Amino acid sequence: QIAVLTNVPDKHRLRRQNNLKSHGFNYPVIANRGGKGPIVERIKQDMTQPLVFVDDLPPQITSVAAHAPDTHLVHFVGDPRLAKLIGKAPEAHVRIDDWQKLKTHLIDYIK
């Protein structure tokens, strides 16, 4: 189960979902405002399997760590220019900045 949790206004949710789909990410998009921790906590309540949260912003990793502490936290910055500027989120279990390495990590984690 994969979903994209993004801080876009709800009126742009479908546009974001269609854009991601055009790049091969055909997953539901959840629109959010502010910290992502509270919504991850709500999502986690309905899950029996481990939950993984991937984000590029340290404050979002911190938010999820505070609200859903048993979530596996991956700090991922896919743009090499930005990756150089952003330090690893302290609460993240791992920092990955390469799409293929992220895919491998996620597959290994869920096995």
PDB file of N, CA and C in Angstrom:
ATOM      1  N   GLN A   1       0.837  -1.166   0.000  1.00  0.00           N
ATOM      2  CA  GLN A   1       0.000   0.000   0.000  1.00  0.00           C
ATOM      3  C   GLN A   1       0.884   1.231   0.000  1.00  0.00           C
ATOM      4  N   ILE A   2       0.673   2.055  -0.989  1.00  0.00           N
ATOM      5  CA  ILE A   2       1.455   3.274  -1.128  1.00  0.00           C
ATOM      6  C   ILE A   2       0.481   4.430  -1.303  1.00  0.00           C
ATOM      7  N   ALA A   3       0.779   5.518  -0.630  1.00  0.00           N
ATOM      8  CA  ALA A   3       0.026   6.754  -0.815  1.00  0.00           C
ATOM      9  C   ALA A   3       1.021   7.905  -0.778  1.00  0.00           C
ATOM     10  N   VAL A   4       0.676   8.972  -1.443  1.00  0.00           N
ATOM     11  CA  VAL A   4       1.506  10.171  -1.453  1.00  0.00           C
ATOM     12  C   VAL A   4       0.816  11.205  -0.574  1.00  0.00           C
ATOM     13  N   LEU A   5       1.506  11.609   0.475  1.00  0.00           N
ATOM     14  CA  LEU A   5       1.012  12.631   1.391  1.00  0.00           C
ATOM     15  C   LEU A   5       1.760  13.918   1.060  1.00  0.00           C
ATOM     16  N   THR A   6       1.030  14.916   0.588  1.00  0.00           N
ATOM     17  CA  THR A   6       1.681  16.126   0.098  1.00  0.00           C
ATOM     18  C   THR A   6       0.998  17.370   0.641  1.00  0.00           C
ATOM     19  N   ASN A   7       1.781  18.381   0.886  1.00  0.00           N
ATOM     20  CA  ASN A   7       1.233  19.650   1.363  1.00  0.00           C
ATOM     21  C   ASN A   7       0.869  20.540   0.184  1.00  0.00           C
ATOM     22  N   VAL A   8      -0.220  20.174  -0.462  1.00  0.00           N
ATOM     23  CA  VAL A   8      -0.819  21.023  -1.493  1.00  0.00           C
ATOM     24  C   VAL A   8      -2.261  21.271  -1.072  1.00  0.00           C
ATOM     25  N   PRO A   9      -2.820  22.406  -1.449  1.00  0.00           N
ATOM     26  CA  PRO A   9      -4.237  22.625  -1.147  1.00  0.00           C
ATOM     27  C   PRO A   9      -5.089  21.526  -1.774  1.00  0.00           C
ATOM     28  N   ASP A  10      -6.165  21.170  -1.115  1.00  0.00           N
ATOM     29  CA  ASP A  10      -7.021  20.090  -1.599  1.00  0.00           C
ATOM     30  C   ASP A  10      -7.500  20.333  -3.021  1.00  0.00           C
ATOM     31  N   LYS A  11      -7.707  21.593  -3.392  1.00  0.00           N
ATOM     32  CA  LYS A  11      -8.189  21.887  -4.745  1.00  0.00           C
ATOM     33  C   LYS A  11      -7.165  21.491  -5.818  1.00  0.00           C
ATOM     34  N   HIS A  12      -5.898  21.281  -5.430  1.00  0.00           N
ATOM     35  CA  HIS A  12      -4.854  20.884  -6.376  1.00  0.00           C
ATOM     36  C   HIS A  12      -4.473  19.407  -6.251  1.00  0.00           C
ATOM     37  N   ARG A  13      -5.159  18.693  -5.367  1.00  0.00           N
ATOM     38  CA  ARG A  13      -4.822  17.286  -5.124  1.00  0.00           C
ATOM     39  C   ARG A  13      -4.886  16.451  -6.400  1.00  0.00           C
ATOM     40  N   LEU A  14      -5.965  16.538  -7.140  1.00  0.00           N
ATOM     41  CA  LEU A  14      -6.133  15.733  -8.353  1.00  0.00           C
ATOM     42  C   LEU A  14      -5.082  16.091  -9.402  1.00  0.00           C
ATOM     43  N   ARG A  15      -4.769  17.373  -9.519  1.00  0.00           N
ATOM     44  CA  ARG A  15      -3.730  17.789 -10.458  1.00  0.00           C
ATOM     45  C   ARG A  15      -2.379  17.173 -10.087  1.00  0.00           C
ATOM     46  N   ARG A  16      -2.059  17.183  -8.790  1.00  0.00           N
ATOM     47  CA  ARG A  16      -0.809  16.562  -8.333  1.00  0.00           C
ATOM     48  C   ARG A  16      -0.834  15.059  -8.602  1.00  0.00           C
ATOM     49  N   GLN A  17      -1.965  14.417  -8.337  1.00  0.00           N
ATOM     50  CA  GLN A  17      -2.086  12.978  -8.558  1.00  0.00           C
ATOM     51  C   GLN A  17      -1.886  12.647 -10.046  1.00  0.00           C
ATOM     52  N   ASN A  18      -2.474  13.416 -10.927  1.00  0.00           N
ATOM     53  CA  ASN A  18      -2.322  13.178 -12.364  1.00  0.00           C
ATOM     54  C   ASN A  18      -0.895  13.410 -12.824  1.00  0.00           C
ATOM     55  N   ASN A  19      -0.243  14.434 -12.269  1.00  0.00           N
ATOM     56  CA  ASN A  19       1.149  14.693 -12.614  1.00  0.00           C
ATOM     57  C   ASN A  19       2.035  13.527 -12.182  1.00  0.00           C
ATOM     58  N   LEU A  20       1.848  13.055 -10.967  1.00  0.00           N
ATOM     59  CA  LEU A  20       2.643  11.922 -10.488  1.00  0.00           C
ATOM     60  C   LEU A  20       2.376  10.682 -11.325  1.00  0.00           C
ATOM     61  N   LYS A  21       1.111  10.464 -11.685  1.00  0.00           N
ATOM     62  CA  LYS A  21       0.743   9.314 -12.518  1.00  0.00           C
ATOM     63  C   LYS A  21       1.471   9.379 -13.860  1.00  0.00           C
ATOM     64  N   SER A  22       1.615  10.565 -14.420  1.00  0.00           N
ATOM     65  CA  SER A  22       2.308  10.709 -15.705  1.00  0.00           C
ATOM     66  C   SER A  22       3.786  10.336 -15.601  1.00  0.00           C
ATOM     67  N   HIS A  23       4.305  10.285 -14.375  1.00  0.00           N
ATOM     68  CA  HIS A  23       5.702   9.887 -14.139  1.00  0.00           C
ATOM     69  C   HIS A  23       5.800   8.471 -13.578  1.00  0.00           C
ATOM     70  N   GLY A  24       4.706   7.722 -13.647  1.00  0.00           N
ATOM     71  CA  GLY A  24       4.729   6.328 -13.200  1.00  0.00           C
ATOM     72  C   GLY A  24       4.364   6.115 -11.743  1.00  0.00           C
ATOM     73  N   PHE A  25       3.983   7.153 -11.023  1.00  0.00           N
ATOM     74  CA  PHE A  25       3.574   7.039  -9.625  1.00  0.00           C
ATOM     75  C   PHE A  25       2.051   7.047  -9.569  1.00  0.00           C
ATOM     76  N   ASN A  26       1.447   5.911  -9.834  1.00  0.00           N
ATOM     77  CA  ASN A  26      -0.007   5.808  -9.891  1.00  0.00           C
ATOM     78  C   ASN A  26      -0.544   5.398  -8.516  1.00  0.00           C
ATOM     79  N   TYR A  27      -0.496   6.330  -7.579  1.00  0.00           N
ATOM     80  CA  TYR A  27      -0.913   6.063  -6.202  1.00  0.00           C
ATOM     81  C   TYR A  27      -1.857   7.173  -5.737  1.00  0.00           C
ATOM     82  N   PRO A  28      -2.687   6.863  -4.748  1.00  0.00           N
ATOM     83  CA  PRO A  28      -3.555   7.916  -4.208  1.00  0.00           C
ATOM     84  C   PRO A  28      -2.735   9.061  -3.618  1.00  0.00           C
ATOM     85  N   VAL A  29      -3.271  10.257  -3.738  1.00  0.00           N
ATOM     86  CA  VAL A  29      -2.629  11.444  -3.187  1.00  0.00           C
ATOM     87  C   VAL A  29      -3.522  12.002  -2.087  1.00  0.00           C
ATOM     88  N   ILE A  30      -2.920  12.243  -0.930  1.00  0.00           N
ATOM     89  CA  ILE A  30      -3.612  12.827   0.219  1.00  0.00           C
ATOM     90  C   ILE A  30      -3.104  14.250   0.386  1.00  0.00           C
ATOM     91  N   ALA A  31      -4.018  15.212   0.302  1.00  0.00           N
ATOM     92  CA  ALA A  31      -3.640  16.614   0.494  1.00  0.00           C
ATOM     93  C   ALA A  31      -3.566  16.912   1.992  1.00  0.00           C
ATOM     94  N   ASN A  32      -2.604  17.709   2.375  1.00  0.00           N
ATOM     95  CA  ASN A  32      -2.358  18.012   3.781  1.00  0.00           C
ATOM     96  C   ASN A  32      -1.938  19.471   3.913  1.00  0.00           C
ATOM     97  N   ARG A  33      -2.065  19.976   5.132  1.00  0.00           N
ATOM     98  CA  ARG A  33      -1.547  21.304   5.460  1.00  0.00           C
ATOM     99  C   ARG A  33      -0.774  21.179   6.755  1.00  0.00           C
ATOM    100  N   GLY A  34       0.433  21.752   6.782  1.00  0.00           N
ATOM    101  CA  GLY A  34       1.219  21.748   8.009  1.00  0.00           C
ATOM    102  C   GLY A  34       1.963  20.444   8.232  1.00  0.00           C
ATOM    103  N   GLY A  35       2.197  20.153   9.519  1.00  0.00           N
ATOM    104  CA  GLY A  35       2.933  18.946   9.881  1.00  0.00           C
ATOM    105  C   GLY A  35       2.201  17.686   9.440  1.00  0.00           C
ATOM    106  N   LYS A  36       2.962  16.724   8.980  1.00  0.00           N
ATOM    107  CA  LYS A  36       2.369  15.480   8.481  1.00  0.00           C
ATOM    108  C   LYS A  36       2.180  14.427   9.564  1.00  0.00           C
ATOM    109  N   GLY A  37       2.726  14.669  10.745  1.00  0.00           N
ATOM    110  CA  GLY A  37       2.614  13.703  11.831  1.00  0.00           C
ATOM    111  C   GLY A  37       1.193  13.327  12.211  1.00  0.00           C
ATOM    112  N   PRO A  38       0.291  14.291  12.430  1.00  0.00           N
ATOM    113  CA  PRO A  38      -1.073  13.936  12.830  1.00  0.00           C
ATOM    114  C   PRO A  38      -1.801  13.048  11.822  1.00  0.00           C
ATOM    115  N   ILE A  39      -1.641  13.317  10.532  1.00  0.00           N
ATOM    116  CA  ILE A  39      -2.338  12.472   9.554  1.00  0.00           C
ATOM    117  C   ILE A  39      -1.688  11.096   9.449  1.00  0.00           C
ATOM    118  N   VAL A  40      -0.362  11.022   9.580  1.00  0.00           N
ATOM    119  CA  VAL A  40       0.299   9.709   9.587  1.00  0.00           C
ATOM    120  C   VAL A  40      -0.171   8.903  10.792  1.00  0.00           C
ATOM    121  N   GLU A  41      -0.329   9.566  11.927  1.00  0.00           N
ATOM    122  CA  GLU A  41      -0.843   8.888  13.125  1.00  0.00           C
ATOM    123  C   GLU A  41      -2.233   8.310  12.854  1.00  0.00           C
ATOM    124  N   ARG A  42      -3.094   9.065  12.191  1.00  0.00           N
ATOM    125  CA  ARG A  42      -4.442   8.572  11.865  1.00  0.00           C
ATOM    126  C   ARG A  42      -4.386   7.408  10.876  1.00  0.00           C
ATOM    127  N   ILE A  43      -3.534   7.510   9.869  1.00  0.00           N
ATOM    128  CA  ILE A  43      -3.390   6.424   8.892  1.00  0.00           C
ATOM    129  C   ILE A  43      -2.905   5.164   9.597  1.00  0.00           C
ATOM    130  N   LYS A  44      -1.953   5.322  10.494  1.00  0.00           N
ATOM    131  CA  LYS A  44      -1.350   4.189  11.193  1.00  0.00           C
ATOM    132  C   LYS A  44      -2.374   3.439  12.037  1.00  0.00           C
ATOM    133  N   GLN A  45      -3.381   4.109  12.543  1.00  0.00           N
ATOM    134  CA  GLN A  45      -4.395   3.461  13.377  1.00  0.00           C
ATOM    135  C   GLN A  45      -5.120   2.349  12.633  1.00  0.00           C
ATOM    136  N   ASP A  46      -5.235   2.466  11.331  1.00  0.00           N
ATOM    137  CA  ASP A  46      -5.950   1.477  10.522  1.00  0.00           C
ATOM    138  C   ASP A  46      -5.035   0.417   9.917  1.00  0.00           C
ATOM    139  N   MET A  47      -3.764   0.454  10.250  1.00  0.00           N
ATOM    140  CA  MET A  47      -2.807  -0.463   9.626  1.00  0.00           C
ATOM    141  C   MET A  47      -2.336  -1.530  10.602  1.00  0.00           C
ATOM    142  N   THR A  48      -2.095  -2.709  10.052  1.00  0.00           N
ATOM    143  CA  THR A  48      -1.511  -3.785  10.853  1.00  0.00           C
ATOM    144  C   THR A  48      -0.054  -4.034  10.457  1.00  0.00           C
ATOM    145  N   GLN A  49       0.328  -3.554   9.288  1.00  0.00           N
ATOM    146  CA  GLN A  49       1.687  -3.742   8.798  1.00  0.00           C
ATOM    147  C   GLN A  49       2.546  -2.538   9.189  1.00  0.00           C
ATOM    148  N   PRO A  50       3.868  -2.712   9.175  1.00  0.00           N
ATOM    149  CA  PRO A  50       4.759  -1.578   9.465  1.00  0.00           C
ATOM    150  C   PRO A  50       4.530  -0.445   8.469  1.00  0.00           C
ATOM    151  N   LEU A  51       4.712   0.768   8.939  1.00  0.00           N
ATOM    152  CA  LEU A  51       4.516   1.951   8.110  1.00  0.00           C
ATOM    153  C   LEU A  51       5.865   2.621   7.866  1.00  0.00           C
ATOM    154  N   VAL A  52       6.087   3.048   6.642  1.00  0.00           N
ATOM    155  CA  VAL A  52       7.295   3.760   6.260  1.00  0.00           C
ATOM    156  C   VAL A  52       6.879   5.148   5.794  1.00  0.00           C
ATOM    157  N   PHE A  53       7.590   6.153   6.255  1.00  0.00           N
ATOM    158  CA  PHE A  53       7.346   7.537   5.853  1.00  0.00           C
ATOM    159  C   PHE A  53       8.618   8.064   5.217  1.00  0.00           C
ATOM    160  N   VAL A  54       8.494   8.589   3.999  1.00  0.00           N
ATOM    161  CA  VAL A  54       9.627   9.129   3.256  1.00  0.00           C
ATOM    162  C   VAL A  54       9.347  10.605   2.990  1.00  0.00           C
ATOM    163  N   ASP A  55      10.287  11.471   3.336  1.00  0.00           N
ATOM    164  CA  ASP A  55      10.099  12.902   3.088  1.00  0.00           C
ATOM    165  C   ASP A  55      11.458  13.560   2.943  1.00  0.00           C
ATOM    166  N   ASP A  56      11.464  14.727   2.284  1.00  0.00           N
ATOM    167  CA  ASP A  56      12.718  15.455   2.089  1.00  0.00           C
ATOM    168  C   ASP A  56      12.962  16.528   3.139  1.00  0.00           C
ATOM    169  N   LEU A  57      11.938  16.878   3.902  1.00  0.00           N
ATOM    170  CA  LEU A  57      12.075  17.971   4.859  1.00  0.00           C
ATOM    171  C   LEU A  57      12.223  17.468   6.306  1.00  0.00           C
ATOM    172  N   PRO A  58      13.310  17.835   6.973  1.00  0.00           N
ATOM    173  CA  PRO A  58      13.502  17.409   8.356  1.00  0.00           C
ATOM    174  C   PRO A  58      12.319  17.730   9.281  1.00  0.00           C
ATOM    175  N   PRO A  59      11.660  18.893   9.160  1.00  0.00           N
ATOM    176  CA  PRO A  59      10.527  19.143  10.067  1.00  0.00           C
ATOM    177  C   PRO A  59       9.378  18.139   9.896  1.00  0.00           C
ATOM    178  N   GLN A  60       9.206  17.613   8.692  1.00  0.00           N
ATOM    179  CA  GLN A  60       8.155  16.602   8.502  1.00  0.00           C
ATOM    180  C   GLN A  60       8.558  15.272   9.137  1.00  0.00           C
ATOM    181  N   ILE A  61       9.822  14.935   9.050  1.00  0.00           N
ATOM    182  CA  ILE A  61      10.325  13.724   9.722  1.00  0.00           C
ATOM    183  C   ILE A  61      10.113  13.879  11.228  1.00  0.00           C
ATOM    184  N   THR A  62      10.430  15.039  11.762  1.00  0.00           N
ATOM    185  CA  THR A  62      10.254  15.317  13.190  1.00  0.00           C
ATOM    186  C   THR A  62       8.786  15.207  13.582  1.00  0.00           C
ATOM    187  N   SER A  63       7.896  15.744  12.760  1.00  0.00           N
ATOM    188  CA  SER A  63       6.469  15.696  13.038  1.00  0.00           C
ATOM    189  C   SER A  63       5.962  14.257  13.108  1.00  0.00           C
ATOM    190  N   VAL A  64       6.372  13.437  12.161  1.00  0.00           N
ATOM    191  CA  VAL A  64       5.928  12.038  12.164  1.00  0.00           C
ATOM    192  C   VAL A  64       6.546  11.281  13.342  1.00  0.00           C
ATOM    193  N   ALA A  65       7.793  11.556  13.647  1.00  0.00           N
ATOM    194  CA  ALA A  65       8.440  10.898  14.793  1.00  0.00           C
ATOM    195  C   ALA A  65       7.681  11.184  16.082  1.00  0.00           C
ATOM    196  N   ALA A  66       7.165  12.400  16.221  1.00  0.00           N
ATOM    197  CA  ALA A  66       6.439  12.788  17.431  1.00  0.00           C
ATOM    198  C   ALA A  66       5.056  12.160  17.514  1.00  0.00           C
ATOM    199  N   HIS A  67       4.389  11.983  16.379  1.00  0.00           N
ATOM    200  CA  HIS A  67       3.005  11.502  16.385  1.00  0.00           C
ATOM    201  C   HIS A  67       2.860  10.009  16.111  1.00  0.00           C
ATOM    202  N   ALA A  68       3.803   9.434  15.398  1.00  0.00           N
ATOM    203  CA  ALA A  68       3.744   8.004  15.062  1.00  0.00           C
ATOM    204  C   ALA A  68       5.145   7.417  15.223  1.00  0.00           C
ATOM    205  N   PRO A  69       5.615   7.333  16.482  1.00  0.00           N
ATOM    206  CA  PRO A  69       7.019   7.018  16.748  1.00  0.00           C
ATOM    207  C   PRO A  69       7.495   5.650  16.255  1.00  0.00           C
ATOM    208  N   ASP A  70       6.590   4.723  16.008  1.00  0.00           N
ATOM    209  CA  ASP A  70       7.032   3.411  15.530  1.00  0.00           C
ATOM    210  C   ASP A  70       7.051   3.321  14.006  1.00  0.00           C
ATOM    211  N   THR A  71       6.984   4.459  13.349  1.00  0.00           N
ATOM    212  CA  THR A  71       7.068   4.532  11.887  1.00  0.00           C
ATOM    213  C   THR A  71       8.536   4.541  11.474  1.00  0.00           C
ATOM    214  N   HIS A  72       8.860   3.794  10.413  1.00  0.00           N
ATOM    215  CA  HIS A  72      10.218   3.804   9.867  1.00  0.00           C
ATOM    216  C   HIS A  72      10.378   5.089   9.058  1.00  0.00           C
ATOM    217  N   LEU A  73      11.325   5.915   9.445  1.00  0.00           N
ATOM    218  CA  LEU A  73      11.486   7.253   8.871  1.00  0.00           C
ATOM    219  C   LEU A  73      12.681   7.311   7.925  1.00  0.00           C
ATOM    220  N   VAL A  74      12.405   7.661   6.685  1.00  0.00           N
ATOM    221  CA  VAL A  74      13.443   7.757   5.666  1.00  0.00           C
ATOM    222  C   VAL A  74      13.531   9.211   5.201  1.00  0.00           C
ATOM    223  N   HIS A  75      14.693   9.786   5.388  1.00  0.00           N
ATOM    224  CA  HIS A  75      14.929  11.148   4.903  1.00  0.00           C
ATOM    225  C   HIS A  75      15.525  11.012   3.508  1.00  0.00           C
ATOM    226  N   PHE A  76      14.756  11.441   2.508  1.00  0.00           N
ATOM    227  CA  PHE A  76      15.150  11.289   1.110  1.00  0.00           C
ATOM    228  C   PHE A  76      15.099  12.639   0.403  1.00  0.00           C
ATOM    229  N   VAL A  77      16.244  13.025  -0.178  1.00  0.00           N
ATOM    230  CA  VAL A  77      16.305  14.254  -0.966  1.00  0.00           C
ATOM    231  C   VAL A  77      16.810  13.852  -2.350  1.00  0.00           C
ATOM    232  N   GLY A  78      15.902  13.795  -3.311  1.00  0.00           N
ATOM    233  CA  GLY A  78      16.237  13.297  -4.641  1.00  0.00           C
ATOM    234  C   GLY A  78      16.983  14.270  -5.522  1.00  0.00           C
ATOM    235  N   ASP A  79      16.972  15.543  -5.198  1.00  0.00           N
ATOM    236  CA  ASP A  79      17.668  16.538  -5.997  1.00  0.00           C
ATOM    237  C   ASP A  79      19.063  16.742  -5.406  1.00  0.00           C
ATOM    238  N   PRO A  80      20.113  16.359  -6.143  1.00  0.00           N
ATOM    239  CA  PRO A  80      21.481  16.459  -5.600  1.00  0.00           C
ATOM    240  C   PRO A  80      21.864  17.865  -5.151  1.00  0.00           C
ATOM    241  N   ARG A  81      21.317  18.879  -5.814  1.00  0.00           N
ATOM    242  CA  ARG A  81      21.633  20.255  -5.423  1.00  0.00           C
ATOM    243  C   ARG A  81      21.094  20.551  -4.030  1.00  0.00           C
ATOM    244  N   LEU A  82      19.871  20.102  -3.761  1.00  0.00           N
ATOM    245  CA  LEU A  82      19.273  20.321  -2.440  1.00  0.00           C
ATOM    246  C   LEU A  82      19.881  19.388  -1.394  1.00  0.00           C
ATOM    247  N   ALA A  83      20.195  18.180  -1.810  1.00  0.00           N
ATOM    248  CA  ALA A  83      20.751  17.203  -0.863  1.00  0.00           C
ATOM    249  C   ALA A  83      22.006  17.739  -0.177  1.00  0.00           C
ATOM    250  N   LYS A  84      22.789  18.502  -0.908  1.00  0.00           N
ATOM    251  CA  LYS A  84      24.021  19.075  -0.344  1.00  0.00           C
ATOM    252  C   LYS A  84      23.725  20.129   0.714  1.00  0.00           C
ATOM    253  N   LEU A  85      22.545  20.726   0.647  1.00  0.00           N
ATOM    254  CA  LEU A  85      22.200  21.827   1.541  1.00  0.00           C
ATOM    255  C   LEU A  85      21.432  21.408   2.784  1.00  0.00           C
ATOM    256  N   ILE A  86      20.879  20.195   2.762  1.00  0.00           N
ATOM    257  CA  ILE A  86      20.013  19.750   3.854  1.00  0.00           C
ATOM    258  C   ILE A  86      20.695  18.625   4.620  1.00  0.00           C
ATOM    259  N   GLY A  87      20.930  18.846   5.912  1.00  0.00           N
ATOM    260  CA  GLY A  87      21.512  17.802   6.743  1.00  0.00           C
ATOM    261  C   GLY A  87      20.490  16.723   7.050  1.00  0.00           C
ATOM    262  N   LYS A  88      20.964  15.555   7.461  1.00  0.00           N
ATOM    263  CA  LYS A  88      20.082  14.438   7.802  1.00  0.00           C
ATOM    264  C   LYS A  88      19.177  14.824   8.961  1.00  0.00           C
ATOM    265  N   ALA A  89      17.910  14.526   8.810  1.00  0.00           N
ATOM    266  CA  ALA A  89      16.951  14.749   9.891  1.00  0.00           C
ATOM    267  C   ALA A  89      17.358  13.881  11.079  1.00  0.00           C
ATOM    268  N   PRO A  90      17.517  14.453  12.269  1.00  0.00           N
ATOM    269  CA  PRO A  90      17.998  13.686  13.423  1.00  0.00           C
ATOM    270  C   PRO A  90      17.147  12.455  13.753  1.00  0.00           C
ATOM    271  N   GLU A  91      15.840  12.538  13.546  1.00  0.00           N
ATOM    272  CA  GLU A  91      14.964  11.426  13.894  1.00  0.00           C
ATOM    273  C   GLU A  91      14.901  10.353  12.812  1.00  0.00           C
ATOM    274  N   ALA A  92      15.430  10.646  11.629  1.00  0.00           N
ATOM    275  CA  ALA A  92      15.372   9.683  10.526  1.00  0.00           C
ATOM    276  C   ALA A  92      16.190   8.444  10.848  1.00  0.00           C
ATOM    277  N   HIS A  93      15.655   7.302  10.473  1.00  0.00           N
ATOM    278  CA  HIS A  93      16.390   6.054  10.647  1.00  0.00           C
ATOM    279  C   HIS A  93      17.486   5.915   9.597  1.00  0.00           C
ATOM    280  N   VAL A  94      17.248   6.528   8.441  1.00  0.00           N
ATOM    281  CA  VAL A  94      18.221   6.441   7.353  1.00  0.00           C
ATOM    282  C   VAL A  94      18.066   7.663   6.454  1.00  0.00           C
ATOM    283  N   ARG A  95      19.170   8.078   5.855  1.00  0.00           N
ATOM    284  CA  ARG A  95      19.155   9.156   4.859  1.00  0.00           C
ATOM    285  C   ARG A  95      19.595   8.531   3.542  1.00  0.00           C
ATOM    286  N   ILE A  96      18.754   8.679   2.525  1.00  0.00           N
ATOM    287  CA  ILE A  96      19.040   8.148   1.196  1.00  0.00           C
ATOM    288  C   ILE A  96      18.748   9.262   0.201  1.00  0.00           C
ATOM    289  N   ASP A  97      19.641   9.442  -0.771  1.00  0.00           N
ATOM    290  CA  ASP A  97      19.453  10.505  -1.752  1.00  0.00           C
ATOM    291  C   ASP A  97      19.498   9.995  -3.194  1.00  0.00           C
ATOM    292  N   ASP A  98      19.235   8.729  -3.382  1.00  0.00           N
ATOM    293  CA  ASP A  98      19.278   8.120  -4.709  1.00  0.00           C
ATOM    294  C   ASP A  98      18.023   7.261  -4.877  1.00  0.00           C
ATOM    295  N   TRP A  99      17.306   7.462  -5.983  1.00  0.00           N
ATOM    296  CA  TRP A  99      16.035   6.752  -6.188  1.00  0.00           C
ATOM    297  C   TRP A  99      16.202   5.236  -6.160  1.00  0.00           C
ATOM    298  N   GLN A 100      17.221   4.707  -6.821  1.00  0.00           N
ATOM    299  CA  GLN A 100      17.405   3.249  -6.849  1.00  0.00           C
ATOM    300  C   GLN A 100      17.743   2.713  -5.456  1.00  0.00           C
ATOM    301  N   LYS A 101      18.577   3.436  -4.723  1.00  0.00           N
ATOM    302  CA  LYS A 101      18.901   3.007  -3.357  1.00  0.00           C
ATOM    303  C   LYS A 101      17.663   3.077  -2.462  1.00  0.00           C
ATOM    304  N   LEU A 102      16.827   4.077  -2.680  1.00  0.00           N
ATOM    305  CA  LEU A 102      15.580   4.166  -1.918  1.00  0.00           C
ATOM    306  C   LEU A 102      14.694   2.962  -2.204  1.00  0.00           C
ATOM    307  N   LYS A 103      14.543   2.636  -3.473  1.00  0.00           N
ATOM    308  CA  LYS A 103      13.725   1.469  -3.853  1.00  0.00           C
ATOM    309  C   LYS A 103      14.252   0.197  -3.207  1.00  0.00           C
ATOM    310  N   THR A 104      15.551  -0.014  -3.287  1.00  0.00           N
ATOM    311  CA  THR A 104      16.164  -1.206  -2.682  1.00  0.00           C
ATOM    312  C   THR A 104      15.933  -1.226  -1.177  1.00  0.00           C
ATOM    313  N   HIS A 105      16.121  -0.083  -0.525  1.00  0.00           N
ATOM    314  CA  HIS A 105      15.925  -0.010   0.923  1.00  0.00           C
ATOM    315  C   HIS A 105      14.488  -0.356   1.298  1.00  0.00           C
ATOM    316  N   LEU A 106      13.535   0.205   0.570  1.00  0.00           N
ATOM    317  CA  LEU A 106      12.126  -0.043   0.891  1.00  0.00           C
ATOM    318  C   LEU A 106      11.745  -1.502   0.675  1.00  0.00           C
ATOM    319  N   ILE A 107      12.222  -2.088  -0.405  1.00  0.00           N
ATOM    320  CA  ILE A 107      11.942  -3.502  -0.649  1.00  0.00           C
ATOM    321  C   ILE A 107      12.555  -4.365   0.444  1.00  0.00           C
ATOM    322  N   ASP A 108      13.809  -4.089   0.794  1.00  0.00           N
ATOM    323  CA  ASP A 108      14.460  -4.840   1.875  1.00  0.00           C
ATOM    324  C   ASP A 108      13.739  -4.659   3.196  1.00  0.00           C
ATOM    325  N   TYR A 109      13.270  -3.471   3.464  1.00  0.00           N
ATOM    326  CA  TYR A 109      12.602  -3.188   4.739  1.00  0.00           C
ATOM    327  C   TYR A 109      11.296  -3.955   4.876  1.00  0.00           C
ATOM    328  N   ILE A 110      10.530  -4.029   3.799  1.00  0.00           N
ATOM    329  CA  ILE A 110       9.225  -4.685   3.915  1.00  0.00           C
ATOM    330  C   ILE A 110       9.298  -6.202   3.843  1.00  0.00           C
ATOM    331  N   LYS A 111      10.444  -6.751   3.486  1.00  0.00           N
ATOM    332  CA  LYS A 111      10.585  -8.218   3.409  1.00  0.00           C
ATOM    333  C   LYS A 111      10.523  -8.854   4.769  1.00  0.00           C
TER     334      LYS A 111
END
